[in-house]
Amino acid sequence: MNGYDATREIRKFNSNVIIIAQTAFGLTGDREKAIEAGCNDYIAKPINKMVLQAMIQKYFEE
């Protein structure tokens, strides 16, 4: 099972959990595939610390 399939399965029983897809190589269309599978967002390696922190704040802001 790949990450897209896992996300689809998780969404069957939990629509509230935040899922951020992460890939080693960002290919054209990867972000769209992740969002279509049910991920909330997408980030590719190498991960920029500032971008990741902003993404986390976006979903977990109090």
PDB file of N, CA and C in Angstrom:
ATOM      1  N   MET A   1       0.850  -1.175   0.000  1.00  0.00           N
ATOM      2  CA  MET A   1       0.000   0.000   0.000  1.00  0.00           C
ATOM      3  C   MET A   1       0.895   1.237   0.000  1.00  0.00           C
ATOM      4  N   ASN A   2       0.605   2.144  -0.900  1.00  0.00           N
ATOM      5  CA  ASN A   2       1.389   3.380  -0.930  1.00  0.00           C
ATOM      6  C   ASN A   2       0.706   4.461  -0.085  1.00  0.00           C
ATOM      7  N   GLY A   3       1.323   5.615  -0.009  1.00  0.00           N
ATOM      8  CA  GLY A   3       0.793   6.698   0.823  1.00  0.00           C
ATOM      9  C   GLY A   3      -0.558   7.210   0.369  1.00  0.00           C
ATOM     10  N   TYR A   4      -0.782   7.229  -0.938  1.00  0.00           N
ATOM     11  CA  TYR A   4      -2.073   7.679  -1.454  1.00  0.00           C
ATOM     12  C   TYR A   4      -3.180   6.712  -1.028  1.00  0.00           C
ATOM     13  N   ASP A   5      -2.901   5.412  -1.159  1.00  0.00           N
ATOM     14  CA  ASP A   5      -3.884   4.402  -0.747  1.00  0.00           C
ATOM     15  C   ASP A   5      -4.137   4.467   0.757  1.00  0.00           C
ATOM     16  N   ALA A   6      -3.065   4.649   1.529  1.00  0.00           N
ATOM     17  CA  ALA A   6      -3.206   4.750   2.985  1.00  0.00           C
ATOM     18  C   ALA A   6      -4.066   5.954   3.363  1.00  0.00           C
ATOM     19  N   THR A   7      -3.852   7.066   2.680  1.00  0.00           N
ATOM     20  CA  THR A   7      -4.649   8.261   2.956  1.00  0.00           C
ATOM     21  C   THR A   7      -6.117   8.010   2.657  1.00  0.00           C
ATOM     22  N   ARG A   8      -6.408   7.373   1.533  1.00  0.00           N
ATOM     23  CA  ARG A   8      -7.808   7.060   1.186  1.00  0.00           C
ATOM     24  C   ARG A   8      -8.459   6.181   2.252  1.00  0.00           C
ATOM     25  N   GLU A   9      -7.703   5.201   2.756  1.00  0.00           N
ATOM     26  CA  GLU A   9      -8.231   4.319   3.793  1.00  0.00           C
ATOM     27  C   GLU A   9      -8.478   5.078   5.091  1.00  0.00           C
ATOM     28  N   ILE A  10      -7.546   5.951   5.474  1.00  0.00           N
ATOM     29  CA  ILE A  10      -7.707   6.753   6.691  1.00  0.00           C
ATOM     30  C   ILE A  10      -8.936   7.645   6.568  1.00  0.00           C
ATOM     31  N   ARG A  11      -9.140   8.234   5.427  1.00  0.00           N
ATOM     32  CA  ARG A  11     -10.278   9.142   5.222  1.00  0.00           C
ATOM     33  C   ARG A  11     -11.618   8.427   5.336  1.00  0.00           C
ATOM     34  N   LYS A  12     -11.644   7.122   5.168  1.00  0.00           N
ATOM     35  CA  LYS A  12     -12.893   6.363   5.309  1.00  0.00           C
ATOM     36  C   LYS A  12     -13.422   6.407   6.742  1.00  0.00           C
ATOM     37  N   PHE A  13     -12.508   6.531   7.717  1.00  0.00           N
ATOM     38  CA  PHE A  13     -12.947   6.537   9.111  1.00  0.00           C
ATOM     39  C   PHE A  13     -12.549   7.789   9.887  1.00  0.00           C
ATOM     40  N   ASN A  14     -11.740   8.661   9.291  1.00  0.00           N
ATOM     41  CA  ASN A  14     -11.347   9.879  10.000  1.00  0.00           C
ATOM     42  C   ASN A  14     -11.141  11.011   8.999  1.00  0.00           C
ATOM     43  N   SER A  15     -12.107  11.871   8.923  1.00  0.00           N
ATOM     44  CA  SER A  15     -12.008  12.984   7.985  1.00  0.00           C
ATOM     45  C   SER A  15     -11.380  14.225   8.616  1.00  0.00           C
ATOM     46  N   ASN A  16     -11.103  14.171   9.913  1.00  0.00           N
ATOM     47  CA  ASN A  16     -10.584  15.345  10.619  1.00  0.00           C
ATOM     48  C   ASN A  16      -9.076  15.366  10.797  1.00  0.00           C
ATOM     49  N   VAL A  17      -8.418  14.224  10.748  1.00  0.00           N
ATOM     50  CA  VAL A  17      -6.975  14.176  10.976  1.00  0.00           C
ATOM     51  C   VAL A  17      -6.257  14.939   9.861  1.00  0.00           C
ATOM     52  N   ILE A  18      -5.209  15.656  10.234  1.00  0.00           N
ATOM     53  CA  ILE A  18      -4.421  16.406   9.271  1.00  0.00           C
ATOM     54  C   ILE A  18      -3.372  15.459   8.672  1.00  0.00           C
ATOM     55  N   ILE A  19      -3.352  15.369   7.350  1.00  0.00           N
ATOM     56  CA  ILE A  19      -2.378  14.523   6.658  1.00  0.00           C
ATOM     57  C   ILE A  19      -1.589  15.406   5.699  1.00  0.00           C
ATOM     58  N   ILE A  20      -0.281  15.445   5.918  1.00  0.00           N
ATOM     59  CA  ILE A  20       0.612  16.199   5.041  1.00  0.00           C
ATOM     60  C   ILE A  20       1.489  15.187   4.311  1.00  0.00           C
ATOM     61  N   ALA A  21       1.334  15.114   3.005  1.00  0.00           N
ATOM     62  CA  ALA A  21       2.143  14.202   2.202  1.00  0.00           C
ATOM     63  C   ALA A  21       3.557  14.742   2.090  1.00  0.00           C
ATOM     64  N   GLN A  22       4.526  13.834   2.092  1.00  0.00           N
ATOM     65  CA  GLN A  22       5.926  14.207   1.968  1.00  0.00           C
ATOM     66  C   GLN A  22       6.582  13.221   1.013  1.00  0.00           C
ATOM     67  N   THR A  23       7.298  13.728   0.021  1.00  0.00           N
ATOM     68  CA  THR A  23       7.977  12.864  -0.936  1.00  0.00           C
ATOM     69  C   THR A  23       9.456  13.222  -1.017  1.00  0.00           C
ATOM     70  N   ALA A  24      10.226  12.238  -1.441  1.00  0.00           N
ATOM     71  CA  ALA A  24      11.662  12.450  -1.574  1.00  0.00           C
ATOM     72  C   ALA A  24      11.992  13.254  -2.822  1.00  0.00           C
ATOM     73  N   PHE A  25      11.234  13.051  -3.867  1.00  0.00           N
ATOM     74  CA  PHE A  25      11.463  13.758  -5.116  1.00  0.00           C
ATOM     75  C   PHE A  25      10.154  14.349  -5.582  1.00  0.00           C
ATOM     76  N   GLY A  26      10.075  15.669  -5.609  1.00  0.00           N
ATOM     77  CA  GLY A  26       8.847  16.337  -6.025  1.00  0.00           C
ATOM     78  C   GLY A  26       8.706  16.326  -7.538  1.00  0.00           C
ATOM     79  N   LEU A  27       7.833  15.489  -8.030  1.00  0.00           N
ATOM     80  CA  LEU A  27       7.586  15.416  -9.462  1.00  0.00           C
ATOM     81  C   LEU A  27       6.339  16.215  -9.816  1.00  0.00           C
ATOM     82  N   THR A  28       6.261  16.631 -11.053  1.00  0.00           N
ATOM     83  CA  THR A  28       5.090  17.356 -11.522  1.00  0.00           C
ATOM     84  C   THR A  28       3.845  16.506 -11.281  1.00  0.00           C
ATOM     85  N   GLY A  29       2.863  17.083 -10.657  1.00  0.00           N
ATOM     86  CA  GLY A  29       1.610  16.386 -10.404  1.00  0.00           C
ATOM     87  C   GLY A  29       1.529  15.699  -9.060  1.00  0.00           C
ATOM     88  N   ASP A  30       2.637  15.602  -8.323  1.00  0.00           N
ATOM     89  CA  ASP A  30       2.613  14.932  -7.013  1.00  0.00           C
ATOM     90  C   ASP A  30       1.688  15.642  -6.031  1.00  0.00           C
ATOM     91  N   ARG A  31       1.757  16.950  -5.995  1.00  0.00           N
ATOM     92  CA  ARG A  31       0.902  17.705  -5.067  1.00  0.00           C
ATOM     93  C   ARG A  31      -0.563  17.443  -5.383  1.00  0.00           C
ATOM     94  N   GLU A  32      -0.920  17.496  -6.645  1.00  0.00           N
ATOM     95  CA  GLU A  32      -2.310  17.269  -7.053  1.00  0.00           C
ATOM     96  C   GLU A  32      -2.768  15.862  -6.692  1.00  0.00           C
ATOM     97  N   LYS A  33      -1.896  14.866  -6.896  1.00  0.00           N
ATOM     98  CA  LYS A  33      -2.232  13.476  -6.551  1.00  0.00           C
ATOM     99  C   LYS A  33      -2.476  13.349  -5.048  1.00  0.00           C
ATOM    100  N   ALA A  34      -1.644  14.008  -4.246  1.00  0.00           N
ATOM    101  CA  ALA A  34      -1.781  13.936  -2.791  1.00  0.00           C
ATOM    102  C   ALA A  34      -3.089  14.567  -2.334  1.00  0.00           C
ATOM    103  N   ILE A  35      -3.405  15.722  -2.869  1.00  0.00           N
ATOM    104  CA  ILE A  35      -4.639  16.416  -2.493  1.00  0.00           C
ATOM    105  C   ILE A  35      -5.848  15.599  -2.938  1.00  0.00           C
ATOM    106  N   GLU A  36      -5.783  15.054  -4.130  1.00  0.00           N
ATOM    107  CA  GLU A  36      -6.869  14.225  -4.652  1.00  0.00           C
ATOM    108  C   GLU A  36      -7.084  12.982  -3.795  1.00  0.00           C
ATOM    109  N   ALA A  37      -6.010  12.435  -3.244  1.00  0.00           N
ATOM    110  CA  ALA A  37      -6.107  11.250  -2.394  1.00  0.00           C
ATOM    111  C   ALA A  37      -6.691  11.574  -1.026  1.00  0.00           C
ATOM    112  N   GLY A  38      -6.708  12.868  -0.663  1.00  0.00           N
ATOM    113  CA  GLY A  38      -7.282  13.254   0.618  1.00  0.00           C
ATOM    114  C   GLY A  38      -6.321  13.924   1.578  1.00  0.00           C
ATOM    115  N   CYS A  39      -5.088  14.144   1.141  1.00  0.00           N
ATOM    116  CA  CYS A  39      -4.129  14.846   1.998  1.00  0.00           C
ATOM    117  C   CYS A  39      -4.527  16.312   2.102  1.00  0.00           C
ATOM    118  N   ASN A  40      -4.218  16.904   3.234  1.00  0.00           N
ATOM    119  CA  ASN A  40      -4.498  18.320   3.426  1.00  0.00           C
ATOM    120  C   ASN A  40      -3.482  19.206   2.727  1.00  0.00           C
ATOM    121  N   ASP A  41      -2.242  18.704   2.650  1.00  0.00           N
ATOM    122  CA  ASP A  41      -1.178  19.507   2.061  1.00  0.00           C
ATOM    123  C   ASP A  41      -0.060  18.597   1.611  1.00  0.00           C
ATOM    124  N   TYR A  42       0.987  19.200   1.053  1.00  0.00           N
ATOM    125  CA  TYR A  42       2.083  18.451   0.446  1.00  0.00           C
ATOM    126  C   TYR A  42       3.383  19.220   0.612  1.00  0.00           C
ATOM    127  N   ILE A  43       4.458  18.478   0.896  1.00  0.00           N
ATOM    128  CA  ILE A  43       5.785  19.079   0.974  1.00  0.00           C
ATOM    129  C   ILE A  43       6.787  18.077   0.406  1.00  0.00           C
ATOM    130  N   ALA A  44       7.778  18.568  -0.319  1.00  0.00           N
ATOM    131  CA  ALA A  44       8.795  17.703  -0.914  1.00  0.00           C
ATOM    132  C   ALA A  44      10.152  17.935  -0.262  1.00  0.00           C
ATOM    133  N   LYS A  45      10.980  16.902  -0.254  1.00  0.00           N
ATOM    134  CA  LYS A  45      12.357  17.028   0.217  1.00  0.00           C
ATOM    135  C   LYS A  45      13.185  17.705  -0.848  1.00  0.00           C
ATOM    136  N   PRO A  46      14.214  18.412  -0.503  1.00  0.00           N
ATOM    137  CA  PRO A  46      14.633  18.702   0.870  1.00  0.00           C
ATOM    138  C   PRO A  46      13.651  19.670   1.523  1.00  0.00           C
ATOM    139  N   ILE A  47      13.324  19.383   2.755  1.00  0.00           N
ATOM    140  CA  ILE A  47      12.329  20.180   3.465  1.00  0.00           C
ATOM    141  C   ILE A  47      12.977  21.431   4.056  1.00  0.00           C
ATOM    142  N   ASN A  48      12.385  22.550   3.724  1.00  0.00           N
ATOM    143  CA  ASN A  48      12.811  23.831   4.271  1.00  0.00           C
ATOM    144  C   ASN A  48      12.127  23.994   5.632  1.00  0.00           C
ATOM    145  N   LYS A  49      12.922  24.176   6.663  1.00  0.00           N
ATOM    146  CA  LYS A  49      12.411  24.266   8.033  1.00  0.00           C
ATOM    147  C   LYS A  49      11.337  25.346   8.182  1.00  0.00           C
ATOM    148  N   MET A  50      11.557  26.490   7.578  1.00  0.00           N
ATOM    149  CA  MET A  50      10.600  27.597   7.691  1.00  0.00           C
ATOM    150  C   MET A  50       9.275  27.253   7.007  1.00  0.00           C
ATOM    151  N   VAL A  51       9.348  26.600   5.859  1.00  0.00           N
ATOM    152  CA  VAL A  51       8.138  26.204   5.134  1.00  0.00           C
ATOM    153  C   VAL A  51       7.363  25.176   5.947  1.00  0.00           C
ATOM    154  N   LEU A  52       8.067  24.200   6.513  1.00  0.00           N
ATOM    155  CA  LEU A  52       7.411  23.179   7.333  1.00  0.00           C
ATOM    156  C   LEU A  52       6.764  23.800   8.567  1.00  0.00           C
ATOM    157  N   GLN A  53       7.466  24.692   9.238  1.00  0.00           N
ATOM    158  CA  GLN A  53       6.906  25.338  10.425  1.00  0.00           C
ATOM    159  C   GLN A  53       5.653  26.140  10.071  1.00  0.00           C
ATOM    160  N   ALA A  54       5.677  26.835   8.952  1.00  0.00           N
ATOM    161  CA  ALA A  54       4.513  27.612   8.525  1.00  0.00           C
ATOM    162  C   ALA A  54       3.341  26.680   8.211  1.00  0.00           C
ATOM    163  N   MET A  55       3.625  25.541   7.602  1.00  0.00           N
ATOM    164  CA  MET A  55       2.577  24.584   7.273  1.00  0.00           C
ATOM    165  C   MET A  55       1.952  24.015   8.551  1.00  0.00           C
ATOM    166  N   ILE A  56       2.775  23.684   9.504  1.00  0.00           N
ATOM    167  CA  ILE A  56       2.276  23.150  10.773  1.00  0.00           C
ATOM    168  C   ILE A  56       1.411  24.203  11.471  1.00  0.00           C
ATOM    169  N   GLN A  57       1.870  25.428  11.494  1.00  0.00           N
ATOM    170  CA  GLN A  57       1.090  26.509  12.118  1.00  0.00           C
ATOM    171  C   GLN A  57      -0.241  26.698  11.411  1.00  0.00           C
ATOM    172  N   LYS A  58      -0.243  26.561  10.112  1.00  0.00           N
ATOM    173  CA  LYS A  58      -1.472  26.716   9.319  1.00  0.00           C
ATOM    174  C   LYS A  58      -2.558  25.757   9.799  1.00  0.00           C
ATOM    175  N   TYR A  59      -2.176  24.547  10.154  1.00  0.00           N
ATOM    176  CA  TYR A  59      -3.165  23.541  10.536  1.00  0.00           C
ATOM    177  C   TYR A  59      -3.358  23.402  12.043  1.00  0.00           C
ATOM    178  N   PHE A  60      -2.400  23.848  12.818  1.00  0.00           N
ATOM    179  CA  PHE A  60      -2.480  23.640  14.263  1.00  0.00           C
ATOM    180  C   PHE A  60      -2.464  24.937  15.055  1.00  0.00           C
ATOM    181  N   GLU A  61      -2.805  26.039  14.402  1.00  0.00           N
ATOM    182  CA  GLU A  61      -2.849  27.317  15.079  1.00  0.00           C
ATOM    183  C   GLU A  61      -3.894  27.289  16.194  1.00  0.00           C
ATOM    184  N   GLU A  62      -3.545  27.864  17.307  1.00  0.00           N
ATOM    185  CA  GLU A  62      -4.480  27.874  18.440  1.00  0.00           C
ATOM    186  C   GLU A  62      -5.243  29.147  18.493  1.00  0.00           C
TER     187      GLU A  62
END
